[in-house]
PDB file of all heavy atoms in Angstrom:
ATOM      1  N   ALA A   1      -3.169 -12.431 -20.565  1.00  0.00           N
ATOM      2  CA  ALA A   1      -3.704 -11.081 -20.755  1.00  0.00           C
ATOM      3  C   ALA A   1      -4.335 -10.626 -19.451  1.00  0.00           C
ATOM      4  O   ALA A   1      -4.573 -11.421 -18.538  1.00  0.00           O
ATOM      5  CB  ALA A   1      -4.722 -11.054 -21.891  1.00  0.00           C
ATOM      6  N   GLY A   2      -4.608  -9.330 -19.374  1.00  0.00           N
ATOM      7  CA  GLY A   2      -5.298  -8.799 -18.215  1.00  0.00           C
ATOM      8  C   GLY A   2      -4.483  -7.760 -17.468  1.00  0.00           C
ATOM      9  O   GLY A   2      -3.260  -7.703 -17.584  1.00  0.00           O
ATOM     10  N   ALA A   3      -5.192  -6.960 -16.699  1.00  0.00           N
ATOM     11  CA  ALA A   3      -4.571  -5.868 -15.945  1.00  0.00           C
ATOM     12  C   ALA A   3      -4.091  -6.298 -14.571  1.00  0.00           C
ATOM     13  O   ALA A   3      -3.617  -5.468 -13.797  1.00  0.00           O
ATOM     14  CB  ALA A   3      -5.575  -4.721 -15.794  1.00  0.00           C
ATOM     15  N   SER A   4      -4.184  -7.592 -14.252  1.00  0.00           N
ATOM     16  CA  SER A   4      -3.910  -8.022 -12.883  1.00  0.00           C
ATOM     17  C   SER A   4      -2.469  -7.785 -12.462  1.00  0.00           C
ATOM     18  O   SER A   4      -2.198  -7.503 -11.288  1.00  0.00           O
ATOM     19  CB  SER A   4      -4.281  -9.502 -12.709  1.00  0.00           C
ATOM     20  OG  SER A   4      -3.607 -10.302 -13.660  1.00  0.00           O
ATOM     21  N   GLY A   5      -1.498  -7.916 -13.382  1.00  0.00           N
ATOM     22  CA  GLY A   5      -0.110  -7.643 -13.014  1.00  0.00           C
ATOM     23  C   GLY A   5       0.064  -6.211 -12.556  1.00  0.00           C
ATOM     24  O   GLY A   5       0.710  -5.939 -11.532  1.00  0.00           O
ATOM     25  N   ALA A   6      -0.509  -5.266 -13.299  1.00  0.00           N
ATOM     26  CA  ALA A   6      -0.434  -3.855 -12.919  1.00  0.00           C
ATOM     27  C   ALA A   6      -1.216  -3.574 -11.643  1.00  0.00           C
ATOM     28  O   ALA A   6      -0.795  -2.761 -10.804  1.00  0.00           O
ATOM     29  CB  ALA A   6      -0.955  -2.987 -14.059  1.00  0.00           C
ATOM     30  N   ILE A   7      -2.347  -4.247 -11.468  1.00  0.00           N
ATOM     31  CA  ILE A   7      -3.155  -4.043 -10.260  1.00  0.00           C
ATOM     32  C   ILE A   7      -2.400  -4.534  -9.034  1.00  0.00           C
ATOM     33  O   ILE A   7      -2.385  -3.872  -7.982  1.00  0.00           O
ATOM     34  CB  ILE A   7      -4.508  -4.751 -10.407  1.00  0.00           C
ATOM     35  CG1 ILE A   7      -5.338  -4.061 -11.500  1.00  0.00           C
ATOM     36  CG2 ILE A   7      -5.264  -4.764  -9.088  1.00  0.00           C
ATOM     37  CD1 ILE A   7      -6.586  -4.817 -11.891  1.00  0.00           C
ATOM     38  N   PHE A   8      -1.760  -5.688  -9.155  1.00  0.00           N
ATOM     39  CA  PHE A   8      -0.935  -6.161  -8.047  1.00  0.00           C
ATOM     40  C   PHE A   8       0.239  -5.219  -7.815  1.00  0.00           C
ATOM     41  O   PHE A   8       0.725  -5.081  -6.686  1.00  0.00           O
ATOM     42  CB  PHE A   8      -0.450  -7.583  -8.311  1.00  0.00           C
ATOM     43  CG  PHE A   8      -1.358  -8.642  -7.765  1.00  0.00           C
ATOM     44  CD1 PHE A   8      -2.515  -8.995  -8.435  1.00  0.00           C
ATOM     45  CD2 PHE A   8      -1.067  -9.272  -6.576  1.00  0.00           C
ATOM     46  CE1 PHE A   8      -3.369  -9.963  -7.933  1.00  0.00           C
ATOM     47  CE2 PHE A   8      -1.905 -10.236  -6.053  1.00  0.00           C
ATOM     48  CZ  PHE A   8      -3.069 -10.593  -6.729  1.00  0.00           C
ATOM     49  N   GLY A   9       0.711  -4.569  -8.873  1.00  0.00           N
ATOM     50  CA  GLY A   9       1.750  -3.571  -8.712  1.00  0.00           C
ATOM     51  C   GLY A   9       1.281  -2.415  -7.850  1.00  0.00           C
ATOM     52  O   GLY A   9       2.026  -1.913  -6.996  1.00  0.00           O
ATOM     53  N   LEU A  10       0.050  -1.967  -8.067  1.00  0.00           N
ATOM     54  CA  LEU A  10      -0.507  -0.888  -7.238  1.00  0.00           C
ATOM     55  C   LEU A  10      -0.639  -1.332  -5.785  1.00  0.00           C
ATOM     56  O   LEU A  10      -0.377  -0.550  -4.856  1.00  0.00           O
ATOM     57  CB  LEU A  10      -1.876  -0.474  -7.777  1.00  0.00           C
ATOM     58  CG  LEU A  10      -1.917   0.090  -9.200  1.00  0.00           C
ATOM     59  CD1 LEU A  10      -3.352   0.449  -9.578  1.00  0.00           C
ATOM     60  CD2 LEU A  10      -1.009   1.306  -9.346  1.00  0.00           C
ATOM     61  N   ILE A  11      -1.030  -2.580  -5.582  1.00  0.00           N
ATOM     62  CA  ILE A  11      -1.162  -3.098  -4.217  1.00  0.00           C
ATOM     63  C   ILE A  11       0.204  -3.163  -3.539  1.00  0.00           C
ATOM     64  O   ILE A  11       0.357  -2.806  -2.370  1.00  0.00           O
ATOM     65  CB  ILE A  11      -1.832  -4.487  -4.253  1.00  0.00           C
ATOM     66  CG1 ILE A  11      -3.283  -4.346  -4.730  1.00  0.00           C
ATOM     67  CG2 ILE A  11      -1.779  -5.160  -2.889  1.00  0.00           C
ATOM     68  CD1 ILE A  11      -3.979  -5.668  -5.005  1.00  0.00           C
ATOM     69  N   GLY A  12       1.221  -3.611  -4.295  1.00  0.00           N
ATOM     70  CA  GLY A  12       2.571  -3.633  -3.735  1.00  0.00           C
ATOM     71  C   GLY A  12       3.074  -2.242  -3.409  1.00  0.00           C
ATOM     72  O   GLY A  12       3.734  -2.028  -2.377  1.00  0.00           O
ATOM     73  N   ALA A  13       2.769  -1.273  -4.271  1.00  0.00           N
ATOM     74  CA  ALA A  13       3.180   0.104  -4.022  1.00  0.00           C
ATOM     75  C   ALA A  13       2.498   0.663  -2.781  1.00  0.00           C
ATOM     76  O   ALA A  13       3.113   1.391  -1.980  1.00  0.00           O
ATOM     77  CB  ALA A  13       2.859   0.968  -5.243  1.00  0.00           C
ATOM     78  N   GLN A  14       1.227   0.345  -2.609  1.00  0.00           N
ATOM     79  CA  GLN A  14       0.502   0.813  -1.425  1.00  0.00           C
ATOM     80  C   GLN A  14       1.109   0.229  -0.153  1.00  0.00           C
ATOM     81  O   GLN A  14       1.290   0.934   0.853  1.00  0.00           O
ATOM     82  CB  GLN A  14      -0.971   0.407  -1.538  1.00  0.00           C
ATOM     83  CG  GLN A  14      -1.835   0.907  -0.397  1.00  0.00           C
ATOM     84  CD  GLN A  14      -3.281   0.458  -0.560  1.00  0.00           C
ATOM     85  OE1 GLN A  14      -3.641  -0.191  -1.530  1.00  0.00           O
ATOM     86  NE2 GLN A  14      -4.101   0.787   0.416  1.00  0.00           N
ATOM     87  N   LEU A  15       1.444  -1.060  -0.200  1.00  0.00           N
ATOM     88  CA  LEU A  15       2.064  -1.695   0.961  1.00  0.00           C
ATOM     89  C   LEU A  15       3.403  -1.032   1.283  1.00  0.00           C
ATOM     90  O   LEU A  15       3.712  -0.758   2.454  1.00  0.00           O
ATOM     91  CB  LEU A  15       2.269  -3.185   0.677  1.00  0.00           C
ATOM     92  CG  LEU A  15       2.889  -4.008   1.812  1.00  0.00           C
ATOM     93  CD1 LEU A  15       2.003  -3.989   3.046  1.00  0.00           C
ATOM     94  CD2 LEU A  15       3.127  -5.448   1.343  1.00  0.00           C
ATOM     95  N   ALA A  16       4.207  -0.736   0.262  1.00  0.00           N
ATOM     96  CA  ALA A  16       5.497  -0.078   0.471  1.00  0.00           C
ATOM     97  C   ALA A  16       5.310   1.311   1.068  1.00  0.00           C
ATOM     98  O   ALA A  16       6.089   1.733   1.945  1.00  0.00           O
ATOM     99  CB  ALA A  16       6.253   0.007  -0.856  1.00  0.00           C
ATOM    100  N   PHE A  17       4.306   2.026   0.612  1.00  0.00           N
ATOM    101  CA  PHE A  17       4.043   3.374   1.122  1.00  0.00           C
ATOM    102  C   PHE A  17       3.782   3.333   2.621  1.00  0.00           C
ATOM    103  O   PHE A  17       4.337   4.142   3.387  1.00  0.00           O
ATOM    104  CB  PHE A  17       2.850   3.969   0.391  1.00  0.00           C
ATOM    105  CG  PHE A  17       2.549   5.387   0.760  1.00  0.00           C
ATOM    106  CD1 PHE A  17       3.042   6.441   0.011  1.00  0.00           C
ATOM    107  CD2 PHE A  17       1.764   5.683   1.869  1.00  0.00           C
ATOM    108  CE1 PHE A  17       2.775   7.757   0.353  1.00  0.00           C
ATOM    109  CE2 PHE A  17       1.480   6.997   2.226  1.00  0.00           C
ATOM    110  CZ  PHE A  17       1.983   8.035   1.461  1.00  0.00           C
ATOM    111  N   PHE A  18       2.957   2.392   3.054  1.00  0.00           N
ATOM    112  CA  PHE A  18       2.614   2.321   4.474  1.00  0.00           C
ATOM    113  C   PHE A  18       3.788   1.818   5.310  1.00  0.00           C
ATOM    114  O   PHE A  18       3.934   2.204   6.469  1.00  0.00           O
ATOM    115  CB  PHE A  18       1.393   1.426   4.676  1.00  0.00           C
ATOM    116  CG  PHE A  18       0.125   2.025   4.166  1.00  0.00           C
ATOM    117  CD1 PHE A  18      -0.762   1.273   3.414  1.00  0.00           C
ATOM    118  CD2 PHE A  18      -0.193   3.349   4.415  1.00  0.00           C
ATOM    119  CE1 PHE A  18      -1.941   1.828   2.936  1.00  0.00           C
ATOM    120  CE2 PHE A  18      -1.366   3.912   3.945  1.00  0.00           C
ATOM    121  CZ  PHE A  18      -2.242   3.146   3.200  1.00  0.00           C
ATOM    122  N   MET A  19       4.623   0.978   4.736  1.00  0.00           N
ATOM    123  CA  MET A  19       5.747   0.431   5.485  1.00  0.00           C
ATOM    124  C   MET A  19       6.897   1.424   5.581  1.00  0.00           C
ATOM    125  O   MET A  19       7.659   1.408   6.549  1.00  0.00           O
ATOM    126  CB  MET A  19       6.232  -0.867   4.837  1.00  0.00           C
ATOM    127  CG  MET A  19       5.255  -2.014   4.961  1.00  0.00           C
ATOM    128  SD  MET A  19       5.902  -3.562   4.267  1.00  0.00           S
ATOM    129  CE  MET A  19       7.261  -3.879   5.380  1.00  0.00           C
ATOM    130  N   ARG A  20       7.028   2.299   4.585  1.00  0.00           N
ATOM    131  CA  ARG A  20       8.155   3.232   4.591  1.00  0.00           C
ATOM    132  C   ARG A  20       7.992   4.320   5.647  1.00  0.00           C
ATOM    133  O   ARG A  20       8.965   4.748   6.268  1.00  0.00           O
ATOM    134  CB  ARG A  20       8.309   3.865   3.208  1.00  0.00           C
ATOM    135  CG  ARG A  20       9.482   4.833   3.152  1.00  0.00           C
ATOM    136  CD  ARG A  20       9.762   5.337   1.777  1.00  0.00           C
ATOM    137  NE  ARG A  20      10.853   6.301   1.796  1.00  0.00           N
ATOM    138  CZ  ARG A  20      11.335   6.907   0.715  1.00  0.00           C
ATOM    139  NH1 ARG A  20      10.827   6.641  -0.471  1.00  0.00           N
ATOM    140  NH2 ARG A  20      12.319   7.773   0.827  1.00  0.00           N
ATOM    141  N   GLY A  21       6.783   4.780   5.849  1.00  0.00           N
ATOM    142  CA  GLY A  21       6.548   5.797   6.863  1.00  0.00           C
ATOM    143  C   GLY A  21       6.805   7.204   6.348  1.00  0.00           C
ATOM    144  O   GLY A  21       7.069   7.428   5.171  1.00  0.00           O
ATOM    145  N   GLY A  22       6.728   8.200   7.260  1.00  0.00           N
ATOM    146  CA  GLY A  22       6.963   9.584   6.904  1.00  0.00           C
ATOM    147  C   GLY A  22       5.783  10.250   6.249  1.00  0.00           C
ATOM    148  O   GLY A  22       5.933  11.290   5.611  1.00  0.00           O
ATOM    149  N   HIS A  23       4.582   9.716   6.424  1.00  0.00           N
ATOM    150  CA  HIS A  23       3.429  10.241   5.706  1.00  0.00           C
ATOM    151  C   HIS A  23       2.365  10.825   6.625  1.00  0.00           C
ATOM    152  O   HIS A  23       1.346  11.314   6.164  1.00  0.00           O
ATOM    153  CB  HIS A  23       2.793   9.125   4.875  1.00  0.00           C
ATOM    154  CG  HIS A  23       2.814   7.797   5.567  1.00  0.00           C
ATOM    155  ND1 HIS A  23       2.203   7.583   6.773  1.00  0.00           N
ATOM    156  CD2 HIS A  23       3.402   6.643   5.203  1.00  0.00           C
ATOM    157  CE1 HIS A  23       2.398   6.317   7.136  1.00  0.00           C
ATOM    158  NE2 HIS A  23       3.127   5.726   6.218  1.00  0.00           N
ATOM    159  N   ARG A  24       2.564  10.739   7.938  1.00  0.00           N
ATOM    160  CA  ARG A  24       1.642  11.341   8.914  1.00  0.00           C
ATOM    161  C   ARG A  24       0.238  10.757   8.867  1.00  0.00           C
ATOM    162  O   ARG A  24      -0.745  11.437   9.178  1.00  0.00           O
ATOM    163  CB  ARG A  24       1.580  12.859   8.726  1.00  0.00           C
ATOM    164  CG  ARG A  24       2.914  13.561   8.982  1.00  0.00           C
ATOM    165  CD  ARG A  24       2.762  15.069   8.871  1.00  0.00           C
ATOM    166  NE  ARG A  24       4.034  15.738   9.142  1.00  0.00           N
ATOM    167  CZ  ARG A  24       4.193  17.054   9.124  1.00  0.00           C
ATOM    168  NH1 ARG A  24       3.153  17.839   8.841  1.00  0.00           N
ATOM    169  NH2 ARG A  24       5.362  17.594   9.371  1.00  0.00           N
ATOM    170  N   ILE A  25       0.119   9.525   8.474  1.00  0.00           N
ATOM    171  CA  ILE A  25      -1.174   8.844   8.496  1.00  0.00           C
ATOM    172  C   ILE A  25      -1.289   8.119   9.831  1.00  0.00           C
ATOM    173  O   ILE A  25      -0.322   7.484  10.268  1.00  0.00           O
ATOM    174  CB  ILE A  25      -1.291   7.845   7.324  1.00  0.00           C
ATOM    175  CG1 ILE A  25      -1.164   8.604   5.997  1.00  0.00           C
ATOM    176  CG2 ILE A  25      -2.601   7.080   7.380  1.00  0.00           C
ATOM    177  CD1 ILE A  25      -1.145   7.708   4.785  1.00  0.00           C
ATOM    178  N   PRO A  26      -2.439   8.200  10.504  1.00  0.00           N
ATOM    179  CA  PRO A  26      -2.591   7.568  11.821  1.00  0.00           C
ATOM    180  C   PRO A  26      -2.205   6.093  11.806  1.00  0.00           C
ATOM    181  O   PRO A  26      -2.473   5.373  10.845  1.00  0.00           O
ATOM    182  CB  PRO A  26      -4.077   7.755  12.126  1.00  0.00           C
ATOM    183  CG  PRO A  26      -4.470   8.966  11.351  1.00  0.00           C
ATOM    184  CD  PRO A  26      -3.642   8.926  10.101  1.00  0.00           C
ATOM    185  N   GLY A  27      -1.576   5.648  12.889  1.00  0.00           N
ATOM    186  CA  GLY A  27      -1.083   4.275  12.961  1.00  0.00           C
ATOM    187  C   GLY A  27      -2.175   3.233  12.816  1.00  0.00           C
ATOM    188  O   GLY A  27      -1.978   2.193  12.186  1.00  0.00           O
ATOM    189  N   GLU A  28      -3.348   3.515  13.402  1.00  0.00           N
ATOM    190  CA  GLU A  28      -4.424   2.523  13.312  1.00  0.00           C
ATOM    191  C   GLU A  28      -4.913   2.352  11.876  1.00  0.00           C
ATOM    192  O   GLU A  28      -5.305   1.263  11.466  1.00  0.00           O
ATOM    193  CB  GLU A  28      -5.592   2.902  14.233  1.00  0.00           C
ATOM    194  CG  GLU A  28      -6.262   4.253  13.932  1.00  0.00           C
ATOM    195  CD  GLU A  28      -5.580   5.409  14.637  1.00  0.00           C
ATOM    196  OE1 GLU A  28      -4.436   5.231  15.104  1.00  0.00           O
ATOM    197  OE2 GLU A  28      -6.202   6.488  14.722  1.00  0.00           O
ATOM    198  N   VAL A  29      -4.887   3.447  11.115  1.00  0.00           N
ATOM    199  CA  VAL A  29      -5.280   3.356   9.705  1.00  0.00           C
ATOM    200  C   VAL A  29      -4.265   2.515   8.930  1.00  0.00           C
ATOM    201  O   VAL A  29      -4.625   1.658   8.109  1.00  0.00           O
ATOM    202  CB  VAL A  29      -5.388   4.761   9.085  1.00  0.00           C
ATOM    203  CG1 VAL A  29      -5.669   4.659   7.588  1.00  0.00           C
ATOM    204  CG2 VAL A  29      -6.479   5.568   9.778  1.00  0.00           C
ATOM    205  N   ILE A  30      -2.979   2.752   9.211  1.00  0.00           N
ATOM    206  CA  ILE A  30      -1.923   2.001   8.524  1.00  0.00           C
ATOM    207  C   ILE A  30      -2.037   0.518   8.845  1.00  0.00           C
ATOM    208  O   ILE A  30      -1.951  -0.333   7.956  1.00  0.00           O
ATOM    209  CB  ILE A  30      -0.535   2.531   8.939  1.00  0.00           C
ATOM    210  CG1 ILE A  30      -0.371   3.969   8.467  1.00  0.00           C
ATOM    211  CG2 ILE A  30       0.568   1.649   8.374  1.00  0.00           C
ATOM    212  CD1 ILE A  30       0.921   4.595   8.926  1.00  0.00           C
ATOM    213  N   ARG A  31      -2.219   0.201  10.112  1.00  0.00           N
ATOM    214  CA  ARG A  31      -2.300  -1.210  10.495  1.00  0.00           C
ATOM    215  C   ARG A  31      -3.487  -1.898   9.837  1.00  0.00           C
ATOM    216  O   ARG A  31      -3.391  -3.041   9.390  1.00  0.00           O
ATOM    217  CB  ARG A  31      -2.392  -1.322  12.019  1.00  0.00           C
ATOM    218  CG  ARG A  31      -1.055  -1.046  12.725  1.00  0.00           C
ATOM    219  CD  ARG A  31      -1.136  -1.396  14.195  1.00  0.00           C
ATOM    220  NE  ARG A  31      -2.014  -0.454  14.913  1.00  0.00           N
ATOM    221  CZ  ARG A  31      -1.601   0.691  15.452  1.00  0.00           C
ATOM    222  NH1 ARG A  31      -0.329   1.045  15.345  1.00  0.00           N
ATOM    223  NH2 ARG A  31      -2.442   1.474  16.093  1.00  0.00           N
ATOM    224  N   ALA A  32      -4.625  -1.203   9.766  1.00  0.00           N
ATOM    225  CA  ALA A  32      -5.806  -1.799   9.136  1.00  0.00           C
ATOM    226  C   ALA A  32      -5.578  -2.007   7.648  1.00  0.00           C
ATOM    227  O   ALA A  32      -5.909  -3.067   7.090  1.00  0.00           O
ATOM    228  CB  ALA A  32      -7.031  -0.903   9.374  1.00  0.00           C
ATOM    229  N   GLN A  33      -5.007  -0.991   6.987  1.00  0.00           N
ATOM    230  CA  GLN A  33      -4.733  -1.110   5.556  1.00  0.00           C
ATOM    231  C   GLN A  33      -3.715  -2.213   5.286  1.00  0.00           C
ATOM    232  O   GLN A  33      -3.876  -3.018   4.369  1.00  0.00           O
ATOM    233  CB  GLN A  33      -4.214   0.227   5.015  1.00  0.00           C
ATOM    234  CG  GLN A  33      -5.267   1.301   4.887  1.00  0.00           C
ATOM    235  CD  GLN A  33      -6.221   1.042   3.739  1.00  0.00           C
ATOM    236  OE1 GLN A  33      -5.885   0.385   2.761  1.00  0.00           O
ATOM    237  NE2 GLN A  33      -7.427   1.551   3.858  1.00  0.00           N
ATOM    238  N   ARG A  34      -2.661  -2.258   6.093  1.00  0.00           N
ATOM    239  CA  ARG A  34      -1.608  -3.251   5.889  1.00  0.00           C
ATOM    240  C   ARG A  34      -2.167  -4.663   6.071  1.00  0.00           C
ATOM    241  O   ARG A  34      -1.840  -5.578   5.312  1.00  0.00           O
ATOM    242  CB  ARG A  34      -0.466  -2.993   6.865  1.00  0.00           C
ATOM    243  CG  ARG A  34       0.771  -3.833   6.594  1.00  0.00           C
ATOM    244  CD  ARG A  34       1.957  -3.240   7.321  1.00  0.00           C
ATOM    245  NE  ARG A  34       1.684  -3.039   8.744  1.00  0.00           N
ATOM    246  CZ  ARG A  34       2.346  -2.187   9.519  1.00  0.00           C
ATOM    247  NH1 ARG A  34       3.307  -1.439   9.011  1.00  0.00           N
ATOM    248  NH2 ARG A  34       2.046  -2.071  10.802  1.00  0.00           N
TER     249      ARG A  34
END
């Protein structure tokens, strides 16, 4: 039981967002988040 599977899903989605690009977020912010 628990929400951890979905929470890890959000973390994976965030990682994919930063790796895909095209979002105009500063590179230093992306590198720190990644």
